[in-house]
């Protein structure tokens, strides 16, 4: 039988068959993906082949094969630095949710996420949430960041999951697609999903006033079918985003504005650091390239803090 993984707990998988039936499945033996040392060899969104077996009164599935992925979003496992964690697979669109405070989303996190989505060919939309709660200066900062990323080519949208502002535009982008919502705990992922599909009534939690961070209400990634020809993958809050399998020579290729200038550099293997006649450095000095993006790039090239604790980051 064939089906799509809708939930993964690490040892058991909820699979929806092509006929629309739901099965609890496990992996057959020591299942490993070729070339990937992952804490979760099968991820939500994967298309798998499985057999059924009878265990007492229960019918369980045994996954024996996974079909080739069109893409996946992956990061280094924070606790197991030599392994990776596949967040989800076969994604049409990722919504990266960003908040200025409670919790604060730093540009280093945004840039690492965007570089990874570029590397794995996943379209990403930036959602600046909680705009109903910002003062004049904070709204100006949102406009500045949105202009920065729009200039690069990313779609940016200011929303309020709480009041419903611009939620209809998010919903419109989701039609006919499998979308994933990502971001730190507390940015409002679950609140937004409830606003999009109120009948789901997913559990939310208040921000911790002590640490100004969100509480982890989503324990495992899980896919949901919606009422308007769309599917969503809700994910646990991401604290750090370690890069995977990126050579320092190719990281600049995942910054679209750097890649566009690469051909004008004197050396075709230019790292845009201290090489002469570098087009990226020239554009930087002319304020045609963002200094915050360049700072993120330098940290990524240096391999600094691959598994970053973004709540500790003050840059």
C-alpha atoms as a PDB file:
ATOM      1  CA  UNK A   1       0.000   0.000   0.000  1.00  0.00           C
ATOM      2  CA  UNK A   2       1.012   3.613  -0.503  1.00  0.00           C
ATOM      3  CA  UNK A   3       0.331   6.611   1.689  1.00  0.00           C
ATOM      4  CA  UNK A   4       1.545   9.937   3.084  1.00  0.00           C
ATOM      5  CA  UNK A   5       2.987  10.391   6.570  1.00  0.00           C
ATOM      6  CA  UNK A   6       0.770  12.784   8.543  1.00  0.00           C
ATOM      7  CA  UNK A   7       2.442  12.498  11.942  1.00  0.00           C
ATOM      8  CA  UNK A   8       5.760  11.241  13.277  1.00  0.00           C
ATOM      9  CA  UNK A   9       6.558  10.626  16.936  1.00  0.00           C
ATOM     10  CA  UNK A  10       9.974   9.168  16.159  1.00  0.00           C
ATOM     11  CA  UNK A  11       8.920   5.550  16.598  1.00  0.00           C
ATOM     12  CA  UNK A  12       5.349   5.472  15.280  1.00  0.00           C
ATOM     13  CA  UNK A  13       3.904   7.109  12.190  1.00  0.00           C
ATOM     14  CA  UNK A  14       0.375   8.070  11.231  1.00  0.00           C
ATOM     15  CA  UNK A  15      -0.056   7.342   7.531  1.00  0.00           C
ATOM     16  CA  UNK A  16      -2.995   8.263   5.281  1.00  0.00           C
ATOM     17  CA  UNK A  17      -3.330   5.792   2.427  1.00  0.00           C
ATOM     18  CA  UNK A  18      -4.139   6.796  -1.131  1.00  0.00           C
ATOM     19  CA  UNK A  19      -7.637   5.430  -0.419  1.00  0.00           C
ATOM     20  CA  UNK A  20      -8.017   7.898   2.451  1.00  0.00           C
ATOM     21  CA  UNK A  21      -7.729   5.445   5.351  1.00  0.00           C
ATOM     22  CA  UNK A  22      -5.562   6.193   8.403  1.00  0.00           C
ATOM     23  CA  UNK A  23      -3.072   3.619   9.726  1.00  0.00           C
ATOM     24  CA  UNK A  24      -0.616   3.538  12.622  1.00  0.00           C
ATOM     25  CA  UNK A  25       2.683   2.361  11.179  1.00  0.00           C
ATOM     26  CA  UNK A  26       6.169   1.473  12.322  1.00  0.00           C
ATOM     27  CA  UNK A  27       9.432   1.108  10.421  1.00  0.00           C
ATOM     28  CA  UNK A  28      10.558  -2.296   9.266  1.00  0.00           C
ATOM     29  CA  UNK A  29      13.881  -3.170  10.925  1.00  0.00           C
ATOM     30  CA  UNK A  30      16.746  -0.662  10.803  1.00  0.00           C
ATOM     31  CA  UNK A  31      15.444   1.766   8.218  1.00  0.00           C
ATOM     32  CA  UNK A  32      17.935   4.341   7.021  1.00  0.00           C
ATOM     33  CA  UNK A  33      17.835   6.941   4.274  1.00  0.00           C
ATOM     34  CA  UNK A  34      20.715   6.783   1.836  1.00  0.00           C
ATOM     35  CA  UNK A  35      23.370   9.362   2.692  1.00  0.00           C
ATOM     36  CA  UNK A  36      21.387  10.948   5.525  1.00  0.00           C
ATOM     37  CA  UNK A  37      22.238  10.375   9.183  1.00  0.00           C
ATOM     38  CA  UNK A  38      18.974  11.578  10.609  1.00  0.00           C
ATOM     39  CA  UNK A  39      17.285  11.347  13.991  1.00  0.00           C
ATOM     40  CA  UNK A  40      14.062  10.735  12.047  1.00  0.00           C
ATOM     41  CA  UNK A  41      14.601   8.768   8.812  1.00  0.00           C
ATOM     42  CA  UNK A  42      10.941   9.255   7.867  1.00  0.00           C
ATOM     43  CA  UNK A  43       9.336  12.689   8.125  1.00  0.00           C
ATOM     44  CA  UNK A  44       5.886  14.199   7.881  1.00  0.00           C
ATOM     45  CA  UNK A  45       5.040  14.658   4.202  1.00  0.00           C
ATOM     46  CA  UNK A  46       6.960  11.595   3.051  1.00  0.00           C
ATOM     47  CA  UNK A  47       5.243   9.227   0.622  1.00  0.00           C
ATOM     48  CA  UNK A  48       5.817   5.667   1.842  1.00  0.00           C
ATOM     49  CA  UNK A  49       4.996   2.102   0.896  1.00  0.00           C
ATOM     50  CA  UNK A  50       3.774  -0.183   3.652  1.00  0.00           C
ATOM     51  CA  UNK A  51       2.277  -3.601   4.346  1.00  0.00           C
ATOM     52  CA  UNK A  52      -0.487  -4.378   6.812  1.00  0.00           C
ATOM     53  CA  UNK A  53      -0.194  -6.923   9.584  1.00  0.00           C
ATOM     54  CA  UNK A  54      -2.703  -8.097  12.163  1.00  0.00           C
ATOM     55  CA  UNK A  55      -1.684  -7.737  15.818  1.00  0.00           C
ATOM     56  CA  UNK A  56      -4.483  -9.032  18.004  1.00  0.00           C
ATOM     57  CA  UNK A  57      -7.530  -6.966  17.128  1.00  0.00           C
ATOM     58  CA  UNK A  58      -5.455  -4.148  15.630  1.00  0.00           C
ATOM     59  CA  UNK A  59      -4.340  -3.703  12.035  1.00  0.00           C
ATOM     60  CA  UNK A  60      -0.924  -2.026  11.907  1.00  0.00           C
ATOM     61  CA  UNK A  61       1.232  -0.895   9.031  1.00  0.00           C
ATOM     62  CA  UNK A  62       4.886  -1.742   8.462  1.00  0.00           C
ATOM     63  CA  UNK A  63       6.767   0.808   6.334  1.00  0.00           C
ATOM     64  CA  UNK A  64       9.339  -0.851   4.090  1.00  0.00           C
ATOM     65  CA  UNK A  65      10.118   1.861   1.504  1.00  0.00           C
ATOM     66  CA  UNK A  66      10.086   5.633   1.077  1.00  0.00           C
ATOM     67  CA  UNK A  67       9.626   7.304  -2.302  1.00  0.00           C
ATOM     68  CA  UNK A  68      12.031   9.955  -3.561  1.00  0.00           C
ATOM     69  CA  UNK A  69      11.398  13.371  -2.044  1.00  0.00           C
ATOM     70  CA  UNK A  70      10.840  16.476  -4.148  1.00  0.00           C
ATOM     71  CA  UNK A  71      12.423  18.465  -1.288  1.00  0.00           C
ATOM     72  CA  UNK A  72      12.748  18.607   2.479  1.00  0.00           C
ATOM     73  CA  UNK A  73      13.648  21.098   5.168  1.00  0.00           C
ATOM     74  CA  UNK A  74      16.459  19.939   7.423  1.00  0.00           C
ATOM     75  CA  UNK A  75      18.641  21.199  10.265  1.00  0.00           C
ATOM     76  CA  UNK A  76      21.316  19.832  12.560  1.00  0.00           C
ATOM     77  CA  UNK A  77      20.010  18.081  15.623  1.00  0.00           C
ATOM     78  CA  UNK A  78      20.711  20.367  18.571  1.00  0.00           C
ATOM     79  CA  UNK A  79      21.371  17.500  20.987  1.00  0.00           C
ATOM     80  CA  UNK A  80      23.174  15.219  18.522  1.00  0.00           C
ATOM     81  CA  UNK A  81      25.521  17.486  16.591  1.00  0.00           C
ATOM     82  CA  UNK A  82      26.608  14.817  14.103  1.00  0.00           C
ATOM     83  CA  UNK A  83      23.064  13.968  13.139  1.00  0.00           C
ATOM     84  CA  UNK A  84      20.332  15.887  11.374  1.00  0.00           C
ATOM     85  CA  UNK A  85      16.639  16.406  11.903  1.00  0.00           C
ATOM     86  CA  UNK A  86      14.321  16.468   8.895  1.00  0.00           C
ATOM     87  CA  UNK A  87      11.488  18.800   9.836  1.00  0.00           C
ATOM     88  CA  UNK A  88       9.178  17.932   6.914  1.00  0.00           C
ATOM     89  CA  UNK A  89       9.282  16.697   3.315  1.00  0.00           C
ATOM     90  CA  UNK A  90       7.545  17.339  -0.027  1.00  0.00           C
ATOM     91  CA  UNK A  91       6.587  20.909   0.849  1.00  0.00           C
ATOM     92  CA  UNK A  92       5.105  23.344  -1.669  1.00  0.00           C
ATOM     93  CA  UNK A  93       5.406  26.453   0.487  1.00  0.00           C
ATOM     94  CA  UNK A  94       6.874  27.426   3.858  1.00  0.00           C
ATOM     95  CA  UNK A  95       5.544  30.306   5.924  1.00  0.00           C
ATOM     96  CA  UNK A  96       8.283  31.540   8.259  1.00  0.00           C
ATOM     97  CA  UNK A  97       6.582  33.442  11.068  1.00  0.00           C
ATOM     98  CA  UNK A  98       8.499  36.374  12.571  1.00  0.00           C
ATOM     99  CA  UNK A  99       7.837  38.487  15.664  1.00  0.00           C
ATOM    100  CA  UNK A 100       9.761  41.496  16.984  1.00  0.00           C
ATOM    101  CA  UNK A 101       9.347  40.511  20.624  1.00  0.00           C
ATOM    102  CA  UNK A 102       7.841  37.890  22.910  1.00  0.00           C
ATOM    103  CA  UNK A 103       9.742  36.130  21.337  1.00  0.00           C
ATOM    104  CA  UNK A 104      12.182  38.159  19.245  1.00  0.00           C
ATOM    105  CA  UNK A 105      13.137  36.713  15.862  1.00  0.00           C
ATOM    106  CA  UNK A 106      16.669  37.796  14.949  1.00  0.00           C
ATOM    107  CA  UNK A 107      17.780  38.239  11.357  1.00  0.00           C
ATOM    108  CA  UNK A 108      20.466  35.569  11.790  1.00  0.00           C
ATOM    109  CA  UNK A 109      17.696  33.005  12.304  1.00  0.00           C
ATOM    110  CA  UNK A 110      15.714  34.308   9.324  1.00  0.00           C
ATOM    111  CA  UNK A 111      18.788  34.224   7.073  1.00  0.00           C
ATOM    112  CA  UNK A 112      19.843  30.718   8.104  1.00  0.00           C
ATOM    113  CA  UNK A 113      16.321  29.458   7.461  1.00  0.00           C
ATOM    114  CA  UNK A 114      16.125  31.186   4.073  1.00  0.00           C
ATOM    115  CA  UNK A 115      19.532  29.837   3.009  1.00  0.00           C
ATOM    116  CA  UNK A 116      18.392  26.318   3.860  1.00  0.00           C
ATOM    117  CA  UNK A 117      15.116  26.738   1.991  1.00  0.00           C
ATOM    118  CA  UNK A 118      17.063  28.035  -1.029  1.00  0.00           C
ATOM    119  CA  UNK A 119      19.440  25.071  -0.851  1.00  0.00           C
ATOM    120  CA  UNK A 120      16.571  22.578  -0.820  1.00  0.00           C
ATOM    121  CA  UNK A 121      14.427  24.464  -3.364  1.00  0.00           C
ATOM    122  CA  UNK A 122      11.532  25.374  -1.063  1.00  0.00           C
ATOM    123  CA  UNK A 123       9.636  28.617  -1.622  1.00  0.00           C
ATOM    124  CA  UNK A 124       9.404  30.651   1.595  1.00  0.00           C
ATOM    125  CA  UNK A 125       7.040  33.484   2.529  1.00  0.00           C
ATOM    126  CA  UNK A 126       7.840  35.727   5.510  1.00  0.00           C
ATOM    127  CA  UNK A 127       4.898  36.470   7.802  1.00  0.00           C
ATOM    128  CA  UNK A 128       5.421  39.310  10.279  1.00  0.00           C
ATOM    129  CA  UNK A 129       2.898  38.396  12.961  1.00  0.00           C
ATOM    130  CA  UNK A 130       1.380  40.332  15.901  1.00  0.00           C
ATOM    131  CA  UNK A 131       1.326  43.658  14.046  1.00  0.00           C
ATOM    132  CA  UNK A 132      -1.781  44.543  16.063  1.00  0.00           C
ATOM    133  CA  UNK A 133       0.406  44.741  19.197  1.00  0.00           C
ATOM    134  CA  UNK A 134       3.249  46.948  17.886  1.00  0.00           C
ATOM    135  CA  UNK A 135       3.798  50.616  18.556  1.00  0.00           C
ATOM    136  CA  UNK A 136       4.826  53.166  15.907  1.00  0.00           C
ATOM    137  CA  UNK A 137       8.564  52.418  16.150  1.00  0.00           C
ATOM    138  CA  UNK A 138       8.020  48.662  16.006  1.00  0.00           C
ATOM    139  CA  UNK A 139       5.782  48.975  12.957  1.00  0.00           C
ATOM    140  CA  UNK A 140       8.541  51.015  11.312  1.00  0.00           C
ATOM    141  CA  UNK A 141      10.979  48.178  12.018  1.00  0.00           C
ATOM    142  CA  UNK A 142       8.582  45.664  10.454  1.00  0.00           C
ATOM    143  CA  UNK A 143       8.314  47.841   7.351  1.00  0.00           C
ATOM    144  CA  UNK A 144      12.106  48.122   7.179  1.00  0.00           C
ATOM    145  CA  UNK A 145      12.618  44.345   7.422  1.00  0.00           C
ATOM    146  CA  UNK A 146       9.838  43.620   4.940  1.00  0.00           C
ATOM    147  CA  UNK A 147      11.365  46.083   2.449  1.00  0.00           C
ATOM    148  CA  UNK A 148      14.794  44.469   2.954  1.00  0.00           C
ATOM    149  CA  UNK A 149      13.553  40.968   2.132  1.00  0.00           C
ATOM    150  CA  UNK A 150      11.149  42.066  -0.616  1.00  0.00           C
ATOM    151  CA  UNK A 151      14.085  43.699  -2.404  1.00  0.00           C
ATOM    152  CA  UNK A 152      15.811  40.310  -2.438  1.00  0.00           C
ATOM    153  CA  UNK A 153      12.682  38.700  -3.902  1.00  0.00           C
ATOM    154  CA  UNK A 154      10.849  37.217  -0.926  1.00  0.00           C
ATOM    155  CA  UNK A 155       7.120  37.684  -0.400  1.00  0.00           C
ATOM    156  CA  UNK A 156       6.487  39.451   2.925  1.00  0.00           C
ATOM    157  CA  UNK A 157       3.182  40.021   4.661  1.00  0.00           C
ATOM    158  CA  UNK A 158       2.231  41.720   7.917  1.00  0.00           C
ATOM    159  CA  UNK A 159      -0.471  39.779   9.712  1.00  0.00           C
ATOM    160  CA  UNK A 160      -2.272  39.382  13.004  1.00  0.00           C
ATOM    161  CA  UNK A 161      -3.270  35.800  13.708  1.00  0.00           C
ATOM    162  CA  UNK A 162      -5.108  37.104  16.773  1.00  0.00           C
ATOM    163  CA  UNK A 163      -7.321  39.678  15.006  1.00  0.00           C
ATOM    164  CA  UNK A 164      -7.394  37.975  11.604  1.00  0.00           C
ATOM    165  CA  UNK A 165      -5.705  40.814   9.722  1.00  0.00           C
ATOM    166  CA  UNK A 166      -4.491  39.614   6.281  1.00  0.00           C
ATOM    167  CA  UNK A 167      -5.167  35.981   7.228  1.00  0.00           C
ATOM    168  CA  UNK A 168      -7.314  35.717   4.086  1.00  0.00           C
ATOM    169  CA  UNK A 169      -4.214  36.480   1.991  1.00  0.00           C
ATOM    170  CA  UNK A 170      -2.308  33.662   3.696  1.00  0.00           C
ATOM    171  CA  UNK A 171      -5.232  31.326   3.045  1.00  0.00           C
ATOM    172  CA  UNK A 172      -5.275  32.304  -0.632  1.00  0.00           C
ATOM    173  CA  UNK A 173      -1.603  31.354  -1.013  1.00  0.00           C
ATOM    174  CA  UNK A 174      -2.275  27.947   0.567  1.00  0.00           C
ATOM    175  CA  UNK A 175      -4.963  26.746  -1.857  1.00  0.00           C
ATOM    176  CA  UNK A 176      -3.907  23.610  -3.725  1.00  0.00           C
ATOM    177  CA  UNK A 177      -0.655  23.334  -1.795  1.00  0.00           C
ATOM    178  CA  UNK A 178       0.976  21.581   1.127  1.00  0.00           C
ATOM    179  CA  UNK A 179       2.282  24.370   3.344  1.00  0.00           C
ATOM    180  CA  UNK A 180       4.444  24.362   6.435  1.00  0.00           C
ATOM    181  CA  UNK A 181       4.400  26.890   9.259  1.00  0.00           C
ATOM    182  CA  UNK A 182       7.733  27.448  10.995  1.00  0.00           C
ATOM    183  CA  UNK A 183       9.297  29.784  13.544  1.00  0.00           C
ATOM    184  CA  UNK A 184      10.172  30.072  17.215  1.00  0.00           C
ATOM    185  CA  UNK A 185       7.754  28.883  19.888  1.00  0.00           C
ATOM    186  CA  UNK A 186       5.321  31.662  20.662  1.00  0.00           C
ATOM    187  CA  UNK A 187       5.320  33.407  17.259  1.00  0.00           C
ATOM    188  CA  UNK A 188       1.699  32.361  16.734  1.00  0.00           C
ATOM    189  CA  UNK A 189       1.823  29.371  14.391  1.00  0.00           C
ATOM    190  CA  UNK A 190      -0.991  27.486  16.076  1.00  0.00           C
ATOM    191  CA  UNK A 191      -3.069  30.648  16.541  1.00  0.00           C
ATOM    192  CA  UNK A 192      -2.753  31.321  12.813  1.00  0.00           C
ATOM    193  CA  UNK A 193      -3.801  27.783  11.920  1.00  0.00           C
ATOM    194  CA  UNK A 194      -6.845  28.143  14.167  1.00  0.00           C
ATOM    195  CA  UNK A 195      -7.671  31.450  12.453  1.00  0.00           C
ATOM    196  CA  UNK A 196      -7.416  29.803   9.046  1.00  0.00           C
ATOM    197  CA  UNK A 197      -9.432  26.736  10.084  1.00  0.00           C
ATOM    198  CA  UNK A 198     -11.319  27.521  13.337  1.00  0.00           C
ATOM    199  CA  UNK A 199     -12.893  24.063  13.534  1.00  0.00           C
ATOM    200  CA  UNK A 200      -9.465  22.529  14.291  1.00  0.00           C
ATOM    201  CA  UNK A 201      -9.254  24.184  17.734  1.00  0.00           C
ATOM    202  CA  UNK A 202      -5.549  23.406  18.189  1.00  0.00           C
ATOM    203  CA  UNK A 203      -4.129  24.016  21.643  1.00  0.00           C
ATOM    204  CA  UNK A 204      -2.238  27.266  22.237  1.00  0.00           C
ATOM    205  CA  UNK A 205      -0.351  28.581  25.258  1.00  0.00           C
ATOM    206  CA  UNK A 206       0.538  32.000  26.585  1.00  0.00           C
ATOM    207  CA  UNK A 207       4.031  33.494  26.362  1.00  0.00           C
ATOM    208  CA  UNK A 208       6.264  32.914  29.376  1.00  0.00           C
ATOM    209  CA  UNK A 209       6.689  36.358  30.944  1.00  0.00           C
ATOM    210  CA  UNK A 210       9.871  35.219  32.698  1.00  0.00           C
ATOM    211  CA  UNK A 211      11.712  34.331  29.506  1.00  0.00           C
ATOM    212  CA  UNK A 212       9.494  36.098  26.927  1.00  0.00           C
ATOM    213  CA  UNK A 213       9.412  32.868  24.961  1.00  0.00           C
ATOM    214  CA  UNK A 214       6.609  30.670  23.765  1.00  0.00           C
ATOM    215  CA  UNK A 215       5.580  27.444  25.383  1.00  0.00           C
ATOM    216  CA  UNK A 216       5.946  24.334  23.233  1.00  0.00           C
ATOM    217  CA  UNK A 217       2.326  23.480  22.420  1.00  0.00           C
ATOM    218  CA  UNK A 218       3.224  21.456  19.314  1.00  0.00           C
ATOM    219  CA  UNK A 219       5.292  18.414  20.327  1.00  0.00           C
ATOM    220  CA  UNK A 220       5.566  16.677  16.954  1.00  0.00           C
ATOM    221  CA  UNK A 221       5.227  17.825  13.361  1.00  0.00           C
ATOM    222  CA  UNK A 222       1.788  16.971  12.050  1.00  0.00           C
ATOM    223  CA  UNK A 223      -0.073  17.424   8.756  1.00  0.00           C
ATOM    224  CA  UNK A 224      -3.711  18.455   8.550  1.00  0.00           C
ATOM    225  CA  UNK A 225      -6.109  18.449   5.592  1.00  0.00           C
ATOM    226  CA  UNK A 226      -8.145  21.648   5.441  1.00  0.00           C
ATOM    227  CA  UNK A 227     -11.632  22.368   4.138  1.00  0.00           C
ATOM    228  CA  UNK A 228     -10.478  24.487   1.178  1.00  0.00           C
ATOM    229  CA  UNK A 229      -8.199  22.182  -0.855  1.00  0.00           C
ATOM    230  CA  UNK A 230      -5.064  22.695   1.187  1.00  0.00           C
ATOM    231  CA  UNK A 231      -2.869  20.812   3.647  1.00  0.00           C
ATOM    232  CA  UNK A 232      -0.707  22.258   6.391  1.00  0.00           C
ATOM    233  CA  UNK A 233       2.202  20.952   8.410  1.00  0.00           C
ATOM    234  CA  UNK A 234       2.371  22.386  11.920  1.00  0.00           C
ATOM    235  CA  UNK A 235       5.837  22.092  13.476  1.00  0.00           C
ATOM    236  CA  UNK A 236       7.316  22.423  16.965  1.00  0.00           C
ATOM    237  CA  UNK A 237       8.957  25.758  17.699  1.00  0.00           C
ATOM    238  CA  UNK A 238      12.515  25.960  16.384  1.00  0.00           C
ATOM    239  CA  UNK A 239      15.051  27.502  18.773  1.00  0.00           C
ATOM    240  CA  UNK A 240      18.228  26.991  16.778  1.00  0.00           C
ATOM    241  CA  UNK A 241      18.834  26.284  13.112  1.00  0.00           C
ATOM    242  CA  UNK A 242      22.101  24.486  12.428  1.00  0.00           C
ATOM    243  CA  UNK A 243      23.164  24.305   8.789  1.00  0.00           C
ATOM    244  CA  UNK A 244      23.536  20.948   7.074  1.00  0.00           C
ATOM    245  CA  UNK A 245      25.891  19.859   4.294  1.00  0.00           C
ATOM    246  CA  UNK A 246      26.821  23.350   3.117  1.00  0.00           C
ATOM    247  CA  UNK A 247      30.367  23.964   1.997  1.00  0.00           C
ATOM    248  CA  UNK A 248      31.497  27.502   2.754  1.00  0.00           C
ATOM    249  CA  UNK A 249      32.202  28.058  -0.952  1.00  0.00           C
ATOM    250  CA  UNK A 250      28.522  27.527  -1.824  1.00  0.00           C
ATOM    251  CA  UNK A 251      26.768  29.381   1.005  1.00  0.00           C
ATOM    252  CA  UNK A 252      26.832  32.644  -0.959  1.00  0.00           C
ATOM    253  CA  UNK A 253      24.856  30.926  -3.721  1.00  0.00           C
ATOM    254  CA  UNK A 254      21.938  30.600  -1.297  1.00  0.00           C
ATOM    255  CA  UNK A 255      21.853  34.352  -0.753  1.00  0.00           C
ATOM    256  CA  UNK A 256      20.070  35.402  -3.992  1.00  0.00           C
ATOM    257  CA  UNK A 257      21.395  38.969  -3.930  1.00  0.00           C
ATOM    258  CA  UNK A 258      24.977  37.664  -3.542  1.00  0.00           C
ATOM    259  CA  UNK A 259      24.524  35.055  -6.249  1.00  0.00           C
ATOM    260  CA  UNK A 260      23.295  37.732  -8.680  1.00  0.00           C
ATOM    261  CA  UNK A 261      26.574  39.646  -8.193  1.00  0.00           C
ATOM    262  CA  UNK A 262      28.904  36.650  -8.221  1.00  0.00           C
ATOM    263  CA  UNK A 263      29.661  36.860 -11.941  1.00  0.00           C
ATOM    264  CA  UNK A 264      31.066  40.375 -11.437  1.00  0.00           C
ATOM    265  CA  UNK A 265      33.639  39.279  -8.842  1.00  0.00           C
ATOM    266  CA  UNK A 266      37.225  39.047 -10.070  1.00  0.00           C
ATOM    267  CA  UNK A 267      37.544  35.442  -8.869  1.00  0.00           C
ATOM    268  CA  UNK A 268      34.874  32.866  -9.638  1.00  0.00           C
ATOM    269  CA  UNK A 269      35.490  31.211  -6.260  1.00  0.00           C
ATOM    270  CA  UNK A 270      35.239  34.508  -4.364  1.00  0.00           C
ATOM    271  CA  UNK A 271      34.094  34.111  -0.753  1.00  0.00           C
ATOM    272  CA  UNK A 272      33.180  37.811  -0.529  1.00  0.00           C
ATOM    273  CA  UNK A 273      35.361  38.293   2.542  1.00  0.00           C
ATOM    274  CA  UNK A 274      38.758  39.830   1.764  1.00  0.00           C
ATOM    275  CA  UNK A 275      39.285  39.059  -1.928  1.00  0.00           C
ATOM    276  CA  UNK A 276      40.129  41.981  -4.234  1.00  0.00           C
ATOM    277  CA  UNK A 277      37.522  43.377  -6.651  1.00  0.00           C
ATOM    278  CA  UNK A 278      34.630  41.620  -4.945  1.00  0.00           C
ATOM    279  CA  UNK A 279      31.268  42.734  -6.338  1.00  0.00           C
ATOM    280  CA  UNK A 280      29.414  41.822  -3.142  1.00  0.00           C
ATOM    281  CA  UNK A 281      31.761  43.913  -0.952  1.00  0.00           C
ATOM    282  CA  UNK A 282      31.460  46.779  -3.432  1.00  0.00           C
ATOM    283  CA  UNK A 283      27.651  46.593  -3.267  1.00  0.00           C
ATOM    284  CA  UNK A 284      27.849  46.396   0.515  1.00  0.00           C
ATOM    285  CA  UNK A 285      29.869  49.599   0.726  1.00  0.00           C
ATOM    286  CA  UNK A 286      27.323  51.284  -1.549  1.00  0.00           C
ATOM    287  CA  UNK A 287      24.463  50.125   0.725  1.00  0.00           C
ATOM    288  CA  UNK A 288      23.053  48.033  -2.095  1.00  0.00           C
ATOM    289  CA  UNK A 289      23.379  44.875   0.008  1.00  0.00           C
ATOM    290  CA  UNK A 290      22.129  44.579   3.585  1.00  0.00           C
ATOM    291  CA  UNK A 291      24.751  44.632   6.341  1.00  0.00           C
ATOM    292  CA  UNK A 292      22.601  42.336   8.499  1.00  0.00           C
ATOM    293  CA  UNK A 293      22.482  39.781   5.687  1.00  0.00           C
ATOM    294  CA  UNK A 294      26.230  40.053   5.200  1.00  0.00           C
ATOM    295  CA  UNK A 295      26.811  39.573   8.923  1.00  0.00           C
ATOM    296  CA  UNK A 296      24.663  36.435   8.823  1.00  0.00           C
ATOM    297  CA  UNK A 297      26.628  35.205   5.814  1.00  0.00           C
ATOM    298  CA  UNK A 298      29.982  35.691   7.592  1.00  0.00           C
ATOM    299  CA  UNK A 299      28.777  33.727  10.627  1.00  0.00           C
ATOM    300  CA  UNK A 300      27.568  30.899   8.405  1.00  0.00           C
ATOM    301  CA  UNK A 301      30.826  30.770   6.407  1.00  0.00           C
ATOM    302  CA  UNK A 302      32.889  30.701   9.598  1.00  0.00           C
ATOM    303  CA  UNK A 303      30.781  27.835  10.939  1.00  0.00           C
ATOM    304  CA  UNK A 304      30.198  29.853  14.089  1.00  0.00           C
ATOM    305  CA  UNK A 305      27.637  28.351  16.452  1.00  0.00           C
ATOM    306  CA  UNK A 306      26.072  25.933  13.991  1.00  0.00           C
ATOM    307  CA  UNK A 307      23.461  24.979  16.551  1.00  0.00           C
ATOM    308  CA  UNK A 308      22.752  28.536  17.634  1.00  0.00           C
ATOM    309  CA  UNK A 309      20.739  29.403  20.716  1.00  0.00           C
ATOM    310  CA  UNK A 310      18.918  32.346  19.222  1.00  0.00           C
ATOM    311  CA  UNK A 311      17.411  33.425  22.534  1.00  0.00           C
ATOM    312  CA  UNK A 312      20.981  34.072  23.706  1.00  0.00           C
ATOM    313  CA  UNK A 313      21.997  35.943  20.558  1.00  0.00           C
ATOM    314  CA  UNK A 314      22.343  39.694  21.010  1.00  0.00           C
ATOM    315  CA  UNK A 315      23.593  40.782  17.620  1.00  0.00           C
END
